[in-house]
């Protein structure tokens, strides 16, 4: 099963929460990824493309699987920091 996602990676949970509020206020996920994500994928709007089961760390993968396409997650903690995840397929 292939799934797709975009993400925004930050160091602190409060940063992710603040960015999520901006999304809820109408800012685009891609613009915020470009502005705030510490992951190199931020330059491409946070796009991680498609990936199979087992390709991502467990908390990230579980969050993607729980989302509907087009839905954005609450902050998800991994060893890399805090992610906001947008499921793309």
Protein backbone atom coordinates (compact mmCIF):
# COMPACT_ATOMS: atom_id res chain seq x y z
CA UNK A 1 0.00 0.00 0.00
CA UNK A 2 1.44 3.33 -1.07
CA UNK A 3 0.63 6.49 0.83
CA UNK A 4 1.69 10.07 0.33
CA UNK A 5 2.26 12.96 2.66
CA UNK A 6 3.66 16.42 3.14
CA UNK A 7 5.06 17.47 6.49
CA UNK A 8 6.39 20.39 8.48
CA UNK A 9 9.14 19.50 10.95
CA UNK A 10 10.00 21.73 13.93
CA UNK A 11 11.87 21.28 17.21
CA UNK A 12 9.18 22.19 19.73
CA UNK A 13 5.54 21.17 20.14
CA UNK A 14 4.45 24.78 20.68
CA UNK A 15 5.91 25.68 17.25
CA UNK A 16 3.87 22.93 15.59
CA UNK A 17 0.75 24.06 17.46
CA UNK A 18 1.28 27.68 16.34
CA UNK A 19 1.73 26.57 12.71
CA UNK A 20 -1.40 24.41 12.91
CA UNK A 21 -3.35 27.50 14.02
CA UNK A 22 -2.06 29.34 10.94
CA UNK A 23 -3.30 26.46 8.74
CA UNK A 24 -6.71 26.63 10.42
CA UNK A 25 -6.74 30.38 9.72
CA UNK A 26 -6.29 29.72 5.99
CA UNK A 27 -2.53 29.80 5.33
CA UNK A 28 -1.39 27.08 2.93
CA UNK A 29 0.46 24.05 4.24
CA UNK A 30 3.06 24.41 1.49
CA UNK A 31 3.82 28.05 2.28
CA UNK A 32 4.20 27.27 5.99
CA UNK A 33 6.42 24.27 5.23
CA UNK A 34 8.66 26.50 3.15
CA UNK A 35 8.78 29.14 5.90
CA UNK A 36 9.15 26.97 9.01
CA UNK A 37 10.14 23.35 8.34
CA UNK A 38 13.66 22.33 9.32
CA UNK A 39 13.48 19.37 6.90
CA UNK A 40 14.97 19.89 3.42
CA UNK A 41 11.56 18.89 2.02
CA UNK A 42 10.27 22.26 3.25
CA UNK A 43 11.70 23.84 0.11
CA UNK A 44 9.24 21.76 -1.92
CA UNK A 45 6.25 22.52 0.32
CA UNK A 46 7.03 19.63 2.65
CA UNK A 47 6.32 17.02 -0.04
CA UNK A 48 7.65 13.55 0.83
CA UNK A 49 6.12 11.91 -2.25
CA UNK A 50 4.72 8.41 -1.90
CA UNK A 51 6.12 5.65 0.28
CA UNK A 52 5.27 2.16 1.37
CA UNK A 53 4.61 0.71 4.77
CA UNK A 54 7.76 0.56 6.86
CA UNK A 55 9.53 3.40 5.04
CA UNK A 56 8.87 5.99 7.76
CA UNK A 57 9.39 5.89 11.51
CA UNK A 58 6.50 4.21 13.31
CA UNK A 59 4.81 7.27 14.93
CA UNK A 60 4.89 9.11 11.59
CA UNK A 61 3.52 6.14 9.64
CA UNK A 62 0.75 5.52 12.19
CA UNK A 63 -0.29 9.18 11.97
CA UNK A 64 -0.42 9.08 8.16
CA UNK A 65 -2.53 5.91 8.21
CA UNK A 66 -4.99 7.53 10.65
CA UNK A 67 -5.54 10.56 8.38
CA UNK A 68 -8.02 10.96 5.54
CA UNK A 69 -6.59 12.32 2.27
CA UNK A 70 -6.45 16.11 2.60
CA UNK A 71 -6.48 16.04 6.41
CA UNK A 72 -3.73 17.59 8.57
CA UNK A 73 -2.59 15.94 11.80
CA UNK A 74 -2.12 17.37 15.24
CA UNK A 75 1.59 17.55 16.20
CA UNK A 76 3.28 14.12 16.00
CA UNK A 77 6.46 13.53 18.03
CA UNK A 78 9.30 11.43 16.59
CA UNK A 79 13.02 11.31 17.32
CA UNK A 80 13.42 14.07 14.71
CA UNK A 81 11.11 16.58 16.38
CA UNK A 82 7.45 17.48 15.93
CA UNK A 83 5.66 17.01 12.63
CA UNK A 84 2.47 18.34 11.15
CA UNK A 85 1.44 15.87 8.48
CA UNK A 86 -0.85 16.43 5.51
CA UNK A 87 -1.97 13.21 3.85
CA UNK A 88 -1.89 13.53 0.07
CA UNK A 89 -2.95 10.01 -0.99
